[in-house]
């Protein structure tokens, strides 16, 4: 084989994983509207797969609270109420604030490692903002916050945050449609890093609360029509 040839490893994914990934993308982007009913057979026919992987994908999305299982065994895309949105952001404030305080308490070496990882996530976010894909911006934004929580070192809180991630990135994607992000999003995340560098738990707790509370307020003030995706590749929160 030519020594100059560079082949990427083949990625093998199950049919269930592919169905799950596609449905999740459609829900998060808003292309499947809140309240929309999904029929197992219709979805299977449109995707060209059997009903079994669709059924399994549906169950994963129910666990992530993106789908609701109805009594007649049909599925409906979750409609987020103002109370749902408030609870999602309240949970994030609690988990992220705890993680940040643990990072600071762990000392300088751990703070430095955390900042390095957050800088990497911030670079990825900058790239997506430059590309202008709103869904990709939301996913990169989530990646920054996941890195912060992971560095907090509490495995159970990490698991709770991961379970929350589907609802979180859905809110982020909707907010990108309502108020497309720009340099202010970078500054908000830079403030996180600066507070860690200053060893100031009170400051970073206040920054996290302010950042997420503002996002909560902006999203709660929007309408379902405003949250719906218009062009996923056009335009530059948490």
C-alpha atoms as a PDB file:
ATOM      1  CA  UNK A   1       0.000   0.000   0.000  1.00  0.00           C
ATOM      2  CA  UNK A   2       1.234   3.519  -0.818  1.00  0.00           C
ATOM      3  CA  UNK A   3       3.033   4.850   2.255  1.00  0.00           C
ATOM      4  CA  UNK A   4       1.566   8.310   1.541  1.00  0.00           C
ATOM      5  CA  UNK A   5      -2.030   7.070   1.663  1.00  0.00           C
ATOM      6  CA  UNK A   6      -3.866   8.074   4.823  1.00  0.00           C
ATOM      7  CA  UNK A   7      -7.101   6.251   5.516  1.00  0.00           C
ATOM      8  CA  UNK A   8      -9.447   7.150   8.339  1.00  0.00           C
ATOM      9  CA  UNK A   9     -10.700   4.235  10.458  1.00  0.00           C
ATOM     10  CA  UNK A  10     -14.080   2.952   9.370  1.00  0.00           C
ATOM     11  CA  UNK A  11     -16.904   3.897  11.710  1.00  0.00           C
ATOM     12  CA  UNK A  12     -19.349   1.083  12.344  1.00  0.00           C
ATOM     13  CA  UNK A  13     -22.637   2.111  13.893  1.00  0.00           C
ATOM     14  CA  UNK A  14     -25.767   0.083  14.411  1.00  0.00           C
ATOM     15  CA  UNK A  15     -29.000   0.831  12.603  1.00  0.00           C
ATOM     16  CA  UNK A  16     -30.545   1.824  15.936  1.00  0.00           C
ATOM     17  CA  UNK A  17     -27.728   4.316  16.538  1.00  0.00           C
ATOM     18  CA  UNK A  18     -28.182   5.870  13.099  1.00  0.00           C
ATOM     19  CA  UNK A  19     -31.958   6.153  13.537  1.00  0.00           C
ATOM     20  CA  UNK A  20     -31.519   7.621  17.020  1.00  0.00           C
ATOM     21  CA  UNK A  21     -28.931  10.138  15.810  1.00  0.00           C
ATOM     22  CA  UNK A  22     -31.107  11.316  12.928  1.00  0.00           C
ATOM     23  CA  UNK A  23     -34.280  11.660  14.999  1.00  0.00           C
ATOM     24  CA  UNK A  24     -32.371  13.442  17.754  1.00  0.00           C
ATOM     25  CA  UNK A  25     -30.924  15.886  15.232  1.00  0.00           C
ATOM     26  CA  UNK A  26     -34.348  16.608  13.761  1.00  0.00           C
ATOM     27  CA  UNK A  27     -35.863  17.223  17.205  1.00  0.00           C
ATOM     28  CA  UNK A  28     -33.023  19.399  18.478  1.00  0.00           C
ATOM     29  CA  UNK A  29     -32.951  21.484  15.313  1.00  0.00           C
ATOM     30  CA  UNK A  30     -36.709  22.003  15.425  1.00  0.00           C
ATOM     31  CA  UNK A  31     -37.335  20.269  12.106  1.00  0.00           C
ATOM     32  CA  UNK A  32     -39.561  17.914  14.086  1.00  0.00           C
ATOM     33  CA  UNK A  33     -41.825  20.381  15.855  1.00  0.00           C
ATOM     34  CA  UNK A  34     -42.819  20.157  19.528  1.00  0.00           C
ATOM     35  CA  UNK A  35     -46.119  18.332  19.787  1.00  0.00           C
ATOM     36  CA  UNK A  36     -45.625  16.479  16.507  1.00  0.00           C
ATOM     37  CA  UNK A  37     -46.757  12.838  16.594  1.00  0.00           C
ATOM     38  CA  UNK A  38     -44.399  10.150  15.335  1.00  0.00           C
ATOM     39  CA  UNK A  39     -45.601   6.831  14.045  1.00  0.00           C
ATOM     40  CA  UNK A  40     -43.216   3.921  14.329  1.00  0.00           C
ATOM     41  CA  UNK A  41     -44.136   2.379  10.966  1.00  0.00           C
ATOM     42  CA  UNK A  42     -44.117   5.712   9.123  1.00  0.00           C
ATOM     43  CA  UNK A  43     -40.676   6.596  10.477  1.00  0.00           C
ATOM     44  CA  UNK A  44     -39.343   3.130   9.618  1.00  0.00           C
ATOM     45  CA  UNK A  45     -40.702   3.391   6.070  1.00  0.00           C
ATOM     46  CA  UNK A  46     -39.245   6.860   5.515  1.00  0.00           C
ATOM     47  CA  UNK A  47     -35.824   5.861   6.826  1.00  0.00           C
ATOM     48  CA  UNK A  48     -35.852   2.542   4.980  1.00  0.00           C
ATOM     49  CA  UNK A  49     -35.325   0.397   8.079  1.00  0.00           C
ATOM     50  CA  UNK A  50     -37.302  -2.145  10.044  1.00  0.00           C
ATOM     51  CA  UNK A  51     -39.500  -1.094  12.940  1.00  0.00           C
ATOM     52  CA  UNK A  52     -37.267  -2.633  15.621  1.00  0.00           C
ATOM     53  CA  UNK A  53     -34.437  -0.037  15.504  1.00  0.00           C
ATOM     54  CA  UNK A  54     -37.014   2.764  15.347  1.00  0.00           C
ATOM     55  CA  UNK A  55     -38.698   1.388  18.470  1.00  0.00           C
ATOM     56  CA  UNK A  56     -35.340   1.216  20.273  1.00  0.00           C
ATOM     57  CA  UNK A  57     -34.416   4.753  19.160  1.00  0.00           C
ATOM     58  CA  UNK A  58     -37.796   6.006  20.378  1.00  0.00           C
ATOM     59  CA  UNK A  59     -37.129   4.551  23.821  1.00  0.00           C
ATOM     60  CA  UNK A  60     -33.724   6.255  24.055  1.00  0.00           C
ATOM     61  CA  UNK A  61     -35.318   9.574  23.146  1.00  0.00           C
ATOM     62  CA  UNK A  62     -38.024   9.048  25.761  1.00  0.00           C
ATOM     63  CA  UNK A  63     -35.279   8.509  28.349  1.00  0.00           C
ATOM     64  CA  UNK A  64     -33.683  11.781  27.223  1.00  0.00           C
ATOM     65  CA  UNK A  65     -37.093  13.490  27.530  1.00  0.00           C
ATOM     66  CA  UNK A  66     -37.168  14.496  23.889  1.00  0.00           C
ATOM     67  CA  UNK A  67     -40.129  12.222  23.138  1.00  0.00           C
ATOM     68  CA  UNK A  68     -43.235  11.466  25.172  1.00  0.00           C
ATOM     69  CA  UNK A  69     -44.801   8.007  25.083  1.00  0.00           C
ATOM     70  CA  UNK A  70     -48.568   8.254  24.730  1.00  0.00           C
ATOM     71  CA  UNK A  71     -51.099   5.740  26.045  1.00  0.00           C
ATOM     72  CA  UNK A  72     -51.813   4.418  22.553  1.00  0.00           C
ATOM     73  CA  UNK A  73     -48.086   3.621  22.193  1.00  0.00           C
ATOM     74  CA  UNK A  74     -47.532   6.519  19.771  1.00  0.00           C
ATOM     75  CA  UNK A  75     -44.757   9.044  20.347  1.00  0.00           C
ATOM     76  CA  UNK A  76     -44.941  12.824  20.490  1.00  0.00           C
ATOM     77  CA  UNK A  77     -42.102  15.324  20.319  1.00  0.00           C
ATOM     78  CA  UNK A  78     -41.769  16.918  23.749  1.00  0.00           C
ATOM     79  CA  UNK A  79     -43.194  20.416  24.179  1.00  0.00           C
ATOM     80  CA  UNK A  80     -41.126  22.384  26.681  1.00  0.00           C
ATOM     81  CA  UNK A  81     -43.191  24.506  29.051  1.00  0.00           C
ATOM     82  CA  UNK A  82     -41.794  27.581  30.795  1.00  0.00           C
ATOM     83  CA  UNK A  83     -41.510  25.405  33.910  1.00  0.00           C
ATOM     84  CA  UNK A  84     -39.508  22.786  31.973  1.00  0.00           C
ATOM     85  CA  UNK A  85     -37.087  25.409  30.697  1.00  0.00           C
ATOM     86  CA  UNK A  86     -36.690  26.936  34.162  1.00  0.00           C
ATOM     87  CA  UNK A  87     -35.970  23.521  35.716  1.00  0.00           C
ATOM     88  CA  UNK A  88     -33.392  22.690  33.032  1.00  0.00           C
ATOM     89  CA  UNK A  89     -31.477  25.915  33.657  1.00  0.00           C
ATOM     90  CA  UNK A  90     -31.851  25.670  37.446  1.00  0.00           C
ATOM     91  CA  UNK A  91     -30.357  22.177  37.322  1.00  0.00           C
ATOM     92  CA  UNK A  92     -27.506  23.381  35.153  1.00  0.00           C
ATOM     93  CA  UNK A  93     -26.723  26.265  37.518  1.00  0.00           C
ATOM     94  CA  UNK A  94     -26.575  23.865  40.466  1.00  0.00           C
ATOM     95  CA  UNK A  95     -24.385  21.267  38.740  1.00  0.00           C
ATOM     96  CA  UNK A  96     -22.012  23.702  37.014  1.00  0.00           C
ATOM     97  CA  UNK A  97     -21.573  25.864  40.107  1.00  0.00           C
ATOM     98  CA  UNK A  98     -20.732  22.825  42.230  1.00  0.00           C
ATOM     99  CA  UNK A  99     -18.243  21.619  39.617  1.00  0.00           C
ATOM    100  CA  UNK A 100     -16.550  25.035  39.455  1.00  0.00           C
ATOM    101  CA  UNK A 101     -16.183  25.232  43.233  1.00  0.00           C
ATOM    102  CA  UNK A 102     -14.675  21.734  43.348  1.00  0.00           C
ATOM    103  CA  UNK A 103     -12.192  22.661  40.621  1.00  0.00           C
ATOM    104  CA  UNK A 104     -11.013  25.720  42.556  1.00  0.00           C
ATOM    105  CA  UNK A 105     -10.826  23.752  45.807  1.00  0.00           C
ATOM    106  CA  UNK A 106      -8.624  21.125  44.119  1.00  0.00           C
ATOM    107  CA  UNK A 107      -5.767  23.598  43.750  1.00  0.00           C
ATOM    108  CA  UNK A 108      -3.653  25.278  41.100  1.00  0.00           C
ATOM    109  CA  UNK A 109      -2.574  22.193  39.175  1.00  0.00           C
ATOM    110  CA  UNK A 110      -6.148  21.049  38.650  1.00  0.00           C
ATOM    111  CA  UNK A 111      -7.267  24.582  37.790  1.00  0.00           C
ATOM    112  CA  UNK A 112      -4.538  24.756  35.132  1.00  0.00           C
ATOM    113  CA  UNK A 113      -5.599  21.427  33.609  1.00  0.00           C
ATOM    114  CA  UNK A 114      -9.224  22.544  33.592  1.00  0.00           C
ATOM    115  CA  UNK A 115      -8.390  25.853  31.927  1.00  0.00           C
ATOM    116  CA  UNK A 116      -6.458  23.990  29.242  1.00  0.00           C
ATOM    117  CA  UNK A 117      -9.485  21.828  28.456  1.00  0.00           C
ATOM    118  CA  UNK A 118     -11.838  24.808  28.514  1.00  0.00           C
ATOM    119  CA  UNK A 119      -9.552  26.726  26.156  1.00  0.00           C
ATOM    120  CA  UNK A 120      -9.759  23.807  23.717  1.00  0.00           C
ATOM    121  CA  UNK A 121     -13.555  23.859  23.946  1.00  0.00           C
ATOM    122  CA  UNK A 122     -13.571  27.620  23.495  1.00  0.00           C
ATOM    123  CA  UNK A 123     -11.469  27.283  20.348  1.00  0.00           C
ATOM    124  CA  UNK A 124     -13.981  24.772  18.956  1.00  0.00           C
ATOM    125  CA  UNK A 125     -16.818  27.179  19.783  1.00  0.00           C
ATOM    126  CA  UNK A 126     -15.015  30.007  17.973  1.00  0.00           C
ATOM    127  CA  UNK A 127     -14.688  27.828  14.870  1.00  0.00           C
ATOM    128  CA  UNK A 128     -18.413  27.046  14.856  1.00  0.00           C
ATOM    129  CA  UNK A 129     -19.367  30.685  15.367  1.00  0.00           C
ATOM    130  CA  UNK A 130     -17.202  31.553  12.361  1.00  0.00           C
ATOM    131  CA  UNK A 131     -18.852  28.821  10.283  1.00  0.00           C
ATOM    132  CA  UNK A 132     -22.328  30.069  11.207  1.00  0.00           C
ATOM    133  CA  UNK A 133     -24.038  26.688  11.657  1.00  0.00           C
ATOM    134  CA  UNK A 134     -26.437  27.347  14.532  1.00  0.00           C
ATOM    135  CA  UNK A 135     -26.873  23.714  15.546  1.00  0.00           C
ATOM    136  CA  UNK A 136     -23.097  23.207  15.552  1.00  0.00           C
ATOM    137  CA  UNK A 137     -22.727  26.349  17.696  1.00  0.00           C
ATOM    138  CA  UNK A 138     -25.180  24.894  20.222  1.00  0.00           C
ATOM    139  CA  UNK A 139     -23.309  21.579  20.316  1.00  0.00           C
ATOM    140  CA  UNK A 140     -19.934  23.314  20.764  1.00  0.00           C
ATOM    141  CA  UNK A 141     -21.442  25.506  23.491  1.00  0.00           C
ATOM    142  CA  UNK A 142     -22.646  22.384  25.293  1.00  0.00           C
ATOM    143  CA  UNK A 143     -19.174  20.863  24.897  1.00  0.00           C
ATOM    144  CA  UNK A 144     -17.661  23.741  26.896  1.00  0.00           C
ATOM    145  CA  UNK A 145     -20.094  23.271  29.764  1.00  0.00           C
ATOM    146  CA  UNK A 146     -19.675  19.477  29.708  1.00  0.00           C
ATOM    147  CA  UNK A 147     -15.911  19.946  29.994  1.00  0.00           C
ATOM    148  CA  UNK A 148     -16.406  22.160  33.043  1.00  0.00           C
ATOM    149  CA  UNK A 149     -18.668  19.608  34.741  1.00  0.00           C
ATOM    150  CA  UNK A 150     -16.339  16.711  33.899  1.00  0.00           C
ATOM    151  CA  UNK A 151     -13.394  18.534  35.464  1.00  0.00           C
ATOM    152  CA  UNK A 152     -15.457  18.862  38.632  1.00  0.00           C
ATOM    153  CA  UNK A 153     -14.777  15.167  39.157  1.00  0.00           C
ATOM    154  CA  UNK A 154     -18.148  14.029  40.552  1.00  0.00           C
ATOM    155  CA  UNK A 155     -19.186  11.011  38.470  1.00  0.00           C
ATOM    156  CA  UNK A 156     -22.820  11.098  39.570  1.00  0.00           C
ATOM    157  CA  UNK A 157     -23.201  14.765  38.712  1.00  0.00           C
ATOM    158  CA  UNK A 158     -21.524  14.069  35.370  1.00  0.00           C
ATOM    159  CA  UNK A 159     -24.086  11.323  34.720  1.00  0.00           C
ATOM    160  CA  UNK A 160     -26.926  13.648  35.696  1.00  0.00           C
ATOM    161  CA  UNK A 161     -25.562  16.346  33.391  1.00  0.00           C
ATOM    162  CA  UNK A 162     -25.215  13.874  30.526  1.00  0.00           C
ATOM    163  CA  UNK A 163     -28.863  12.852  30.967  1.00  0.00           C
ATOM    164  CA  UNK A 164     -29.744  16.539  30.869  1.00  0.00           C
ATOM    165  CA  UNK A 165     -27.630  17.176  27.760  1.00  0.00           C
ATOM    166  CA  UNK A 166     -30.318  16.392  25.168  1.00  0.00           C
ATOM    167  CA  UNK A 167     -32.730  18.891  26.702  1.00  0.00           C
ATOM    168  CA  UNK A 168     -29.869  21.348  27.188  1.00  0.00           C
ATOM    169  CA  UNK A 169     -28.665  21.312  23.591  1.00  0.00           C
ATOM    170  CA  UNK A 170     -32.281  21.557  22.411  1.00  0.00           C
ATOM    171  CA  UNK A 171     -32.699  24.749  24.440  1.00  0.00           C
ATOM    172  CA  UNK A 172     -29.375  26.037  23.116  1.00  0.00           C
ATOM    173  CA  UNK A 173     -30.344  25.335  19.505  1.00  0.00           C
ATOM    174  CA  UNK A 174     -33.707  27.057  19.943  1.00  0.00           C
ATOM    175  CA  UNK A 175     -31.986  30.033  21.509  1.00  0.00           C
ATOM    176  CA  UNK A 176     -29.597  30.239  18.570  1.00  0.00           C
ATOM    177  CA  UNK A 177     -32.645  30.643  16.328  1.00  0.00           C
ATOM    178  CA  UNK A 178     -34.151  33.276  18.620  1.00  0.00           C
ATOM    179  CA  UNK A 179     -30.931  35.227  19.231  1.00  0.00           C
ATOM    180  CA  UNK A 180     -28.007  34.066  17.085  1.00  0.00           C
ATOM    181  CA  UNK A 181     -24.782  34.255  19.066  1.00  0.00           C
ATOM    182  CA  UNK A 182     -21.705  36.285  18.307  1.00  0.00           C
ATOM    183  CA  UNK A 183     -18.660  37.517  20.194  1.00  0.00           C
ATOM    184  CA  UNK A 184     -20.665  38.014  23.397  1.00  0.00           C
ATOM    185  CA  UNK A 185     -20.941  34.245  23.761  1.00  0.00           C
ATOM    186  CA  UNK A 186     -17.162  33.943  23.596  1.00  0.00           C
ATOM    187  CA  UNK A 187     -16.800  36.649  26.257  1.00  0.00           C
ATOM    188  CA  UNK A 188     -19.312  34.936  28.535  1.00  0.00           C
ATOM    189  CA  UNK A 189     -17.256  31.755  28.407  1.00  0.00           C
ATOM    190  CA  UNK A 190     -14.005  33.663  28.750  1.00  0.00           C
ATOM    191  CA  UNK A 191     -15.423  35.080  32.008  1.00  0.00           C
ATOM    192  CA  UNK A 192     -15.769  31.491  33.289  1.00  0.00           C
ATOM    193  CA  UNK A 193     -12.089  30.863  32.644  1.00  0.00           C
ATOM    194  CA  UNK A 194     -10.970  34.166  34.171  1.00  0.00           C
ATOM    195  CA  UNK A 195     -12.897  33.446  37.386  1.00  0.00           C
ATOM    196  CA  UNK A 196     -11.247  30.030  37.644  1.00  0.00           C
ATOM    197  CA  UNK A 197      -7.848  31.604  37.091  1.00  0.00           C
ATOM    198  CA  UNK A 198      -8.599  34.106  39.891  1.00  0.00           C
ATOM    199  CA  UNK A 199      -9.465  31.260  42.321  1.00  0.00           C
ATOM    200  CA  UNK A 200     -12.735  33.044  43.046  1.00  0.00           C
ATOM    201  CA  UNK A 201     -15.595  30.576  43.769  1.00  0.00           C
ATOM    202  CA  UNK A 202     -18.095  33.336  44.541  1.00  0.00           C
ATOM    203  CA  UNK A 203     -17.350  35.130  41.295  1.00  0.00           C
ATOM    204  CA  UNK A 204     -17.645  32.047  39.082  1.00  0.00           C
ATOM    205  CA  UNK A 205     -20.857  30.984  40.841  1.00  0.00           C
ATOM    206  CA  UNK A 206     -22.299  34.430  40.117  1.00  0.00           C
ATOM    207  CA  UNK A 207     -21.105  34.309  36.491  1.00  0.00           C
ATOM    208  CA  UNK A 208     -22.662  30.894  35.917  1.00  0.00           C
ATOM    209  CA  UNK A 209     -25.957  31.971  37.477  1.00  0.00           C
ATOM    210  CA  UNK A 210     -26.059  35.209  35.475  1.00  0.00           C
ATOM    211  CA  UNK A 211     -25.123  33.519  32.189  1.00  0.00           C
ATOM    212  CA  UNK A 212     -27.656  30.716  32.469  1.00  0.00           C
ATOM    213  CA  UNK A 213     -30.425  32.833  34.000  1.00  0.00           C
ATOM    214  CA  UNK A 214     -30.167  35.262  31.091  1.00  0.00           C
ATOM    215  CA  UNK A 215     -30.403  32.408  28.597  1.00  0.00           C
ATOM    216  CA  UNK A 216     -33.420  31.045  30.481  1.00  0.00           C
ATOM    217  CA  UNK A 217     -35.158  34.434  30.365  1.00  0.00           C
ATOM    218  CA  UNK A 218     -34.466  34.932  26.650  1.00  0.00           C
ATOM    219  CA  UNK A 219     -35.770  31.500  25.760  1.00  0.00           C
ATOM    220  CA  UNK A 220     -38.835  31.726  28.010  1.00  0.00           C
ATOM    221  CA  UNK A 221     -39.720  35.057  26.374  1.00  0.00           C
ATOM    222  CA  UNK A 222     -39.671  33.543  22.879  1.00  0.00           C
ATOM    223  CA  UNK A 223     -42.469  31.821  20.990  1.00  0.00           C
ATOM    224  CA  UNK A 224     -42.411  28.287  19.497  1.00  0.00           C
ATOM    225  CA  UNK A 225     -42.433  29.873  16.028  1.00  0.00           C
ATOM    226  CA  UNK A 226     -39.326  31.917  16.835  1.00  0.00           C
ATOM    227  CA  UNK A 227     -37.542  28.837  18.152  1.00  0.00           C
ATOM    228  CA  UNK A 228     -38.172  26.824  14.980  1.00  0.00           C
ATOM    229  CA  UNK A 229     -35.242  26.441  12.658  1.00  0.00           C
ATOM    230  CA  UNK A 230     -35.354  28.431   9.436  1.00  0.00           C
ATOM    231  CA  UNK A 231     -32.052  27.636   7.777  1.00  0.00           C
ATOM    232  CA  UNK A 232     -29.662  25.463   9.813  1.00  0.00           C
ATOM    233  CA  UNK A 233     -26.626  26.735   7.931  1.00  0.00           C
ATOM    234  CA  UNK A 234     -27.355  30.445   8.281  1.00  0.00           C
ATOM    235  CA  UNK A 235     -26.254  32.741  11.114  1.00  0.00           C
ATOM    236  CA  UNK A 236     -23.551  32.583  13.706  1.00  0.00           C
ATOM    237  CA  UNK A 237     -26.346  30.590  23.968  1.00  0.00           C
ATOM    238  CA  UNK A 238     -26.362  28.508  26.396  1.00  0.00           C
END
